[in-house]
Amino acid sequence: MPKITIDDIDYHTEDLTENGQAQLASLQFLEGQMQKIRREMAVYQTAQVAYAQALKAEIAKAGLEPLKSKIASE
């Protein structure tokens, strides 16, 4: 028997009403979509780190110096 756990309480999914089954299907769909977005975010964050490292290397290669802050010059 398939079950679902809500607030640490188990329920048999086949005991759900038709509307309950529809709500469960919607919940499962959303959880899948959210997992997909989390995986995409991991890819984007990895790319962000790589681009930042590449930019730092390019700045060092070009010999650019950091700008002096106003506070340091006062």
PDB file of N, CA and C in Angstrom:
ATOM      1  N   MET A   1       0.831  -1.189   0.000  1.00  0.00           N
ATOM      2  CA  MET A   1       0.000   0.000   0.000  1.00  0.00           C
ATOM      3  C   MET A   1       0.872   1.249   0.000  1.00  0.00           C
ATOM      4  N   PRO A   2       0.726   2.094  -0.995  1.00  0.00           N
ATOM      5  CA  PRO A   2       1.480   3.353  -0.999  1.00  0.00           C
ATOM      6  C   PRO A   2       1.024   4.249   0.152  1.00  0.00           C
ATOM      7  N   LYS A   3       1.958   4.991   0.677  1.00  0.00           N
ATOM      8  CA  LYS A   3       1.615   5.883   1.784  1.00  0.00           C
ATOM      9  C   LYS A   3       2.237   7.247   1.551  1.00  0.00           C
ATOM     10  N   ILE A   4       1.719   8.208   2.278  1.00  0.00           N
ATOM     11  CA  ILE A   4       2.266   9.562   2.283  1.00  0.00           C
ATOM     12  C   ILE A   4       2.396   9.981   3.735  1.00  0.00           C
ATOM     13  N   THR A   5       3.429  10.745   4.017  1.00  0.00           N
ATOM     14  CA  THR A   5       3.637  11.233   5.380  1.00  0.00           C
ATOM     15  C   THR A   5       3.450  12.742   5.384  1.00  0.00           C
ATOM     16  N   ILE A   6       2.548  13.195   6.229  1.00  0.00           N
ATOM     17  CA  ILE A   6       2.282  14.622   6.386  1.00  0.00           C
ATOM     18  C   ILE A   6       2.350  14.932   7.873  1.00  0.00           C
ATOM     19  N   ASP A   7       3.193  15.890   8.235  1.00  0.00           N
ATOM     20  CA  ASP A   7       3.385  16.258   9.647  1.00  0.00           C
ATOM     21  C   ASP A   7       3.698  15.031  10.503  1.00  0.00           C
ATOM     22  N   ASP A   8       4.593  14.184   9.985  1.00  0.00           N
ATOM     23  CA  ASP A   8       5.048  12.972  10.678  1.00  0.00           C
ATOM     24  C   ASP A   8       3.937  11.947  10.930  1.00  0.00           C
ATOM     25  N   ILE A   9       2.849  12.029  10.179  1.00  0.00           N
ATOM     26  CA  ILE A   9       1.756  11.060  10.279  1.00  0.00           C
ATOM     27  C   ILE A   9       1.601  10.393   8.922  1.00  0.00           C
ATOM     28  N   ASP A  10       1.564   9.067   8.912  1.00  0.00           N
ATOM     29  CA  ASP A  10       1.433   8.301   7.669  1.00  0.00           C
ATOM     30  C   ASP A  10      -0.039   8.076   7.318  1.00  0.00           C
ATOM     31  N   TYR A  11      -0.318   8.157   6.013  1.00  0.00           N
ATOM     32  CA  TYR A  11      -1.660   7.904   5.488  1.00  0.00           C
ATOM     33  C   TYR A  11      -1.532   6.991   4.276  1.00  0.00           C
ATOM     34  N   HIS A  12      -2.522   6.123   4.058  1.00  0.00           N
ATOM     35  CA  HIS A  12      -2.573   5.308   2.848  1.00  0.00           C
ATOM     36  C   HIS A  12      -3.130   6.178   1.728  1.00  0.00           C
ATOM     37  N   THR A  13      -2.396   6.270   0.638  1.00  0.00           N
ATOM     38  CA  THR A  13      -2.837   7.139  -0.456  1.00  0.00           C
ATOM     39  C   THR A  13      -4.110   6.632  -1.113  1.00  0.00           C
ATOM     40  N   GLU A  14      -4.348   5.337  -1.092  1.00  0.00           N
ATOM     41  CA  GLU A  14      -5.560   4.825  -1.733  1.00  0.00           C
ATOM     42  C   GLU A  14      -6.814   5.149  -0.933  1.00  0.00           C
ATOM     43  N   ASP A  15      -6.648   5.624   0.307  1.00  0.00           N
ATOM     44  CA  ASP A  15      -7.796   6.032   1.115  1.00  0.00           C
ATOM     45  C   ASP A  15      -8.203   7.481   0.836  1.00  0.00           C
ATOM     46  N   LEU A  16      -7.410   8.181   0.043  1.00  0.00           N
ATOM     47  CA  LEU A  16      -7.717   9.582  -0.264  1.00  0.00           C
ATOM     48  C   LEU A  16      -8.930   9.681  -1.186  1.00  0.00           C
ATOM     49  N   THR A  17      -9.649  10.771  -1.056  1.00  0.00           N
ATOM     50  CA  THR A  17     -10.749  11.053  -1.978  1.00  0.00           C
ATOM     51  C   THR A  17     -10.156  11.386  -3.345  1.00  0.00           C
ATOM     52  N   GLU A  18     -11.019  11.520  -4.330  1.00  0.00           N
ATOM     53  CA  GLU A  18     -10.557  11.905  -5.667  1.00  0.00           C
ATOM     54  C   GLU A  18      -9.873  13.271  -5.621  1.00  0.00           C
ATOM     55  N   ASN A  19     -10.453  14.198  -4.865  1.00  0.00           N
ATOM     56  CA  ASN A  19      -9.839  15.519  -4.714  1.00  0.00           C
ATOM     57  C   ASN A  19      -8.508  15.395  -3.979  1.00  0.00           C
ATOM     58  N   GLY A  20      -8.449  14.546  -2.970  1.00  0.00           N
ATOM     59  CA  GLY A  20      -7.198  14.321  -2.252  1.00  0.00           C
ATOM     60  C   GLY A  20      -6.125  13.753  -3.161  1.00  0.00           C
ATOM     61  N   GLN A  21      -6.513  12.836  -4.036  1.00  0.00           N
ATOM     62  CA  GLN A  21      -5.572  12.273  -5.013  1.00  0.00           C
ATOM     63  C   GLN A  21      -5.047  13.371  -5.942  1.00  0.00           C
ATOM     64  N   ALA A  22      -5.943  14.274  -6.354  1.00  0.00           N
ATOM     65  CA  ALA A  22      -5.538  15.379  -7.224  1.00  0.00           C
ATOM     66  C   ALA A  22      -4.571  16.315  -6.497  1.00  0.00           C
ATOM     67  N   GLN A  23      -4.855  16.586  -5.219  1.00  0.00           N
ATOM     68  CA  GLN A  23      -3.963  17.437  -4.430  1.00  0.00           C
ATOM     69  C   GLN A  23      -2.596  16.782  -4.272  1.00  0.00           C
ATOM     70  N   LEU A  24      -2.594  15.473  -4.050  1.00  0.00           N
ATOM     71  CA  LEU A  24      -1.340  14.729  -3.920  1.00  0.00           C
ATOM     72  C   LEU A  24      -0.543  14.787  -5.222  1.00  0.00           C
ATOM     73  N   ALA A  25      -1.232  14.600  -6.347  1.00  0.00           N
ATOM     74  CA  ALA A  25      -0.548  14.663  -7.644  1.00  0.00           C
ATOM     75  C   ALA A  25       0.057  16.050  -7.862  1.00  0.00           C
ATOM     76  N   SER A  26      -0.682  17.084  -7.496  1.00  0.00           N
ATOM     77  CA  SER A  26      -0.157  18.451  -7.641  1.00  0.00           C
ATOM     78  C   SER A  26       1.050  18.667  -6.741  1.00  0.00           C
ATOM     79  N   LEU A  27       0.970  18.166  -5.522  1.00  0.00           N
ATOM     80  CA  LEU A  27       2.086  18.292  -4.583  1.00  0.00           C
ATOM     81  C   LEU A  27       3.321  17.568  -5.103  1.00  0.00           C
ATOM     82  N   GLN A  28       3.136  16.364  -5.618  1.00  0.00           N
ATOM     83  CA  GLN A  28       4.268  15.601  -6.154  1.00  0.00           C
ATOM     84  C   GLN A  28       4.861  16.294  -7.373  1.00  0.00           C
ATOM     85  N   PHE A  29       4.017  16.866  -8.227  1.00  0.00           N
ATOM     86  CA  PHE A  29       4.514  17.602  -9.388  1.00  0.00           C
ATOM     87  C   PHE A  29       5.364  18.792  -8.942  1.00  0.00           C
ATOM     88  N   LEU A  30       4.849  19.556  -7.972  1.00  0.00           N
ATOM     89  CA  LEU A  30       5.584  20.730  -7.490  1.00  0.00           C
ATOM     90  C   LEU A  30       6.902  20.345  -6.843  1.00  0.00           C
ATOM     91  N   GLU A  31       6.913  19.270  -6.075  1.00  0.00           N
ATOM     92  CA  GLU A  31       8.153  18.830  -5.454  1.00  0.00           C
ATOM     93  C   GLU A  31       9.183  18.451  -6.513  1.00  0.00           C
ATOM     94  N   GLY A  32       8.742  17.823  -7.595  1.00  0.00           N
ATOM     95  CA  GLY A  32       9.644  17.498  -8.702  1.00  0.00           C
ATOM     96  C   GLY A  32      10.196  18.746  -9.362  1.00  0.00           C
ATOM     97  N   GLN A  33       9.328  19.730  -9.569  1.00  0.00           N
ATOM     98  CA  GLN A  33       9.762  20.983 -10.188  1.00  0.00           C
ATOM     99  C   GLN A  33      10.747  21.728  -9.296  1.00  0.00           C
ATOM    100  N   MET A  34      10.488  21.717  -7.992  1.00  0.00           N
ATOM    101  CA  MET A  34      11.393  22.390  -7.061  1.00  0.00           C
ATOM    102  C   MET A  34      12.746  21.696  -7.031  1.00  0.00           C
ATOM    103  N   GLN A  35      12.768  20.384  -7.107  1.00  0.00           N
ATOM    104  CA  GLN A  35      14.040  19.651  -7.155  1.00  0.00           C
ATOM    105  C   GLN A  35      14.801  20.002  -8.426  1.00  0.00           C
ATOM    106  N   LYS A  36      14.080  20.100  -9.538  1.00  0.00           N
ATOM    107  CA  LYS A  36      14.703  20.487 -10.811  1.00  0.00           C
ATOM    108  C   LYS A  36      15.335  21.879 -10.691  1.00  0.00           C
ATOM    109  N   ILE A  37      14.624  22.800 -10.067  1.00  0.00           N
ATOM    110  CA  ILE A  37      15.153  24.160  -9.892  1.00  0.00           C
ATOM    111  C   ILE A  37      16.377  24.147  -8.989  1.00  0.00           C
ATOM    112  N   ARG A  38      16.356  23.323  -7.923  1.00  0.00           N
ATOM    113  CA  ARG A  38      17.536  23.229  -7.051  1.00  0.00           C
ATOM    114  C   ARG A  38      18.751  22.721  -7.826  1.00  0.00           C
ATOM    115  N   ARG A  39      18.533  21.732  -8.708  1.00  0.00           N
ATOM    116  CA  ARG A  39      19.656  21.231  -9.520  1.00  0.00           C
ATOM    117  C   ARG A  39      20.153  22.310 -10.482  1.00  0.00           C
ATOM    118  N   GLU A  40      19.239  23.051 -11.085  1.00  0.00           N
ATOM    119  CA  GLU A  40      19.637  24.145 -11.979  1.00  0.00           C
ATOM    120  C   GLU A  40      20.414  25.209 -11.210  1.00  0.00           C
ATOM    121  N   MET A  41      19.966  25.542 -10.006  1.00  0.00           N
ATOM    122  CA  MET A  41      20.678  26.532  -9.193  1.00  0.00           C
ATOM    123  C   MET A  41      22.094  26.067  -8.884  1.00  0.00           C
ATOM    124  N   ALA A  42      22.274  24.786  -8.627  1.00  0.00           N
ATOM    125  CA  ALA A  42      23.618  24.261  -8.359  1.00  0.00           C
ATOM    126  C   ALA A  42      24.517  24.458  -9.575  1.00  0.00           C
ATOM    127  N   VAL A  43      23.970  24.241 -10.762  1.00  0.00           N
ATOM    128  CA  VAL A  43      24.741  24.447 -11.987  1.00  0.00           C
ATOM    129  C   VAL A  43      25.096  25.929 -12.133  1.00  0.00           C
ATOM    130  N   TYR A  44      24.132  26.809 -11.902  1.00  0.00           N
ATOM    131  CA  TYR A  44      24.374  28.249 -12.027  1.00  0.00           C
ATOM    132  C   TYR A  44      25.404  28.728 -11.009  1.00  0.00           C
ATOM    133  N   GLN A  45      25.326  28.210  -9.786  1.00  0.00           N
ATOM    134  CA  GLN A  45      26.283  28.626  -8.762  1.00  0.00           C
ATOM    135  C   GLN A  45      27.684  28.145  -9.092  1.00  0.00           C
ATOM    136  N   THR A  46      27.791  26.950  -9.649  1.00  0.00           N
ATOM    137  CA  THR A  46      29.099  26.443 -10.072  1.00  0.00           C
ATOM    138  C   THR A  46      29.665  27.316 -11.188  1.00  0.00           C
ATOM    139  N   ALA A  47      28.829  27.664 -12.143  1.00  0.00           N
ATOM    140  CA  ALA A  47      29.269  28.534 -13.239  1.00  0.00           C
ATOM    141  C   ALA A  47      29.665  29.916 -12.716  1.00  0.00           C
ATOM    142  N   GLN A  48      28.918  30.428 -11.752  1.00  0.00           N
ATOM    143  CA  GLN A  48      29.232  31.740 -11.186  1.00  0.00           C
ATOM    144  C   GLN A  48      30.622  31.748 -10.558  1.00  0.00           C
ATOM    145  N   VAL A  49      30.934  30.700  -9.819  1.00  0.00           N
ATOM    146  CA  VAL A  49      32.257  30.596  -9.191  1.00  0.00           C
ATOM    147  C   VAL A  49      33.339  30.525 -10.265  1.00  0.00           C
ATOM    148  N   ALA A  50      33.102  29.726 -11.311  1.00  0.00           N
ATOM    149  CA  ALA A  50      34.093  29.586 -12.381  1.00  0.00           C
ATOM    150  C   ALA A  50      34.310  30.910 -13.109  1.00  0.00           C
ATOM    151  N   TYR A  51      33.217  31.637 -13.404  1.00  0.00           N
ATOM    152  CA  TYR A  51      33.356  32.934 -14.082  1.00  0.00           C
ATOM    153  C   TYR A  51      34.094  33.932 -13.196  1.00  0.00           C
ATOM    154  N   ALA A  52      33.815  33.946 -11.907  1.00  0.00           N
ATOM    155  CA  ALA A  52      34.500  34.864 -10.994  1.00  0.00           C
ATOM    156  C   ALA A  52      35.991  34.542 -10.941  1.00  0.00           C
ATOM    157  N   GLN A  53      36.342  33.258 -10.892  1.00  0.00           N
ATOM    158  CA  GLN A  53      37.758  32.877 -10.876  1.00  0.00           C
ATOM    159  C   GLN A  53      38.444  33.274 -12.181  1.00  0.00           C
ATOM    160  N   ALA A  54      37.757  33.061 -13.297  1.00  0.00           N
ATOM    161  CA  ALA A  54      38.333  33.433 -14.593  1.00  0.00           C
ATOM    162  C   ALA A  54      38.532  34.944 -14.680  1.00  0.00           C
ATOM    163  N   LEU A  55      37.574  35.706 -14.159  1.00  0.00           N
ATOM    164  CA  LEU A  55      37.701  37.162 -14.171  1.00  0.00           C
ATOM    165  C   LEU A  55      38.863  37.618 -13.290  1.00  0.00           C
ATOM    166  N   LYS A  56      39.015  37.028 -12.120  1.00  0.00           N
ATOM    167  CA  LYS A  56      40.142  37.369 -11.243  1.00  0.00           C
ATOM    168  C   LYS A  56      41.473  37.067 -11.926  1.00  0.00           C
ATOM    169  N   ALA A  57      41.539  35.932 -12.611  1.00  0.00           N
ATOM    170  CA  ALA A  57      42.769  35.583 -13.328  1.00  0.00           C
ATOM    171  C   ALA A  57      43.043  36.585 -14.444  1.00  0.00           C
ATOM    172  N   GLU A  58      42.008  37.008 -15.127  1.00  0.00           N
ATOM    173  CA  GLU A  58      42.169  37.990 -16.213  1.00  0.00           C
ATOM    174  C   GLU A  58      42.619  39.331 -15.651  1.00  0.00           C
ATOM    175  N   ILE A  59      42.077  39.725 -14.509  1.00  0.00           N
ATOM    176  CA  ILE A  59      42.487  40.985 -13.860  1.00  0.00           C
ATOM    177  C   ILE A  59      43.957  40.917 -13.462  1.00  0.00           C
ATOM    178  N   ALA A  60      44.360  39.791 -12.895  1.00  0.00           N
ATOM    179  CA  ALA A  60      45.770  39.630 -12.505  1.00  0.00           C
ATOM    180  C   ALA A  60      46.668  39.637 -13.732  1.00  0.00           C
ATOM    181  N   LYS A  61      46.243  38.962 -14.787  1.00  0.00           N
ATOM    182  CA  LYS A  61      47.021  38.897 -16.036  1.00  0.00           C
ATOM    183  C   LYS A  61      47.206  40.290 -16.631  1.00  0.00           C
ATOM    184  N   ALA A  62      46.171  41.122 -16.528  1.00  0.00           N
ATOM    185  CA  ALA A  62      46.234  42.476 -17.073  1.00  0.00           C
ATOM    186  C   ALA A  62      47.000  43.425 -16.151  1.00  0.00           C
ATOM    187  N   GLY A  63      47.293  42.965 -14.941  1.00  0.00           N
ATOM    188  CA  GLY A  63      48.038  43.807 -14.007  1.00  0.00           C
ATOM    189  C   GLY A  63      47.229  44.945 -13.433  1.00  0.00           C
ATOM    190  N   LEU A  64      45.915  44.793 -13.393  1.00  0.00           N
ATOM    191  CA  LEU A  64      45.068  45.859 -12.855  1.00  0.00           C
ATOM    192  C   LEU A  64      45.248  45.965 -11.349  1.00  0.00           C
ATOM    193  N   GLU A  65      45.254  47.195 -10.883  1.00  0.00           N
ATOM    194  CA  GLU A  65      45.374  47.462  -9.457  1.00  0.00           C
ATOM    195  C   GLU A  65      43.993  47.813  -8.911  1.00  0.00           C
ATOM    196  N   PRO A  66      43.719  47.436  -7.672  1.00  0.00           N
ATOM    197  CA  PRO A  66      42.426  47.803  -7.069  1.00  0.00           C
ATOM    198  C   PRO A  66      42.316  49.317  -6.932  1.00  0.00           C
ATOM    199  N   LEU A  67      41.087  49.823  -7.011  1.00  0.00           N
ATOM    200  CA  LEU A  67      40.845  51.235  -6.791  1.00  0.00           C
ATOM    201  C   LEU A  67      41.045  51.549  -5.321  1.00  0.00           C
ATOM    202  N   LYS A  68      41.557  52.718  -5.068  1.00  0.00           N
ATOM    203  CA  LYS A  68      41.744  53.120  -3.675  1.00  0.00           C
ATOM    204  C   LYS A  68      40.408  53.650  -3.141  1.00  0.00           C
ATOM    205  N   SER A  69      40.047  53.205  -1.946  1.00  0.00           N
ATOM    206  CA  SER A  69      38.784  53.657  -1.375  1.00  0.00           C
ATOM    207  C   SER A  69      38.952  55.043  -0.792  1.00  0.00           C
ATOM    208  N   LYS A  70      37.858  55.769  -0.669  1.00  0.00           N
ATOM    209  CA  LYS A  70      37.886  57.112  -0.102  1.00  0.00           C
ATOM    210  C   LYS A  70      38.323  57.068   1.361  1.00  0.00           C
ATOM    211  N   ILE A  71      37.908  56.044   2.063  1.00  0.00           N
ATOM    212  CA  ILE A  71      38.245  55.935   3.476  1.00  0.00           C
ATOM    213  C   ILE A  71      39.754  55.770   3.645  1.00  0.00           C
ATOM    214  N   ALA A  72      40.387  54.955   2.812  1.00  0.00           N
ATOM    215  CA  ALA A  72      41.818  54.727   2.908  1.00  0.00           C
ATOM    216  C   ALA A  72      42.610  55.991   2.585  1.00  0.00           C
ATOM    217  N   SER A  73      42.065  56.870   1.741  1.00  0.00           N
ATOM    218  CA  SER A  73      42.813  58.063   1.340  1.00  0.00           C
ATOM    219  C   SER A  73      42.589  59.236   2.294  1.00  0.00           C
ATOM    220  N   GLU A  74      41.657  59.100   3.240  1.00  0.00           N
ATOM    221  CA  GLU A  74      41.392  60.215   4.173  1.00  0.00           C
ATOM    222  C   GLU A  74      42.352  60.227   5.324  1.00  0.00           C
TER     223      GLU A  74
END
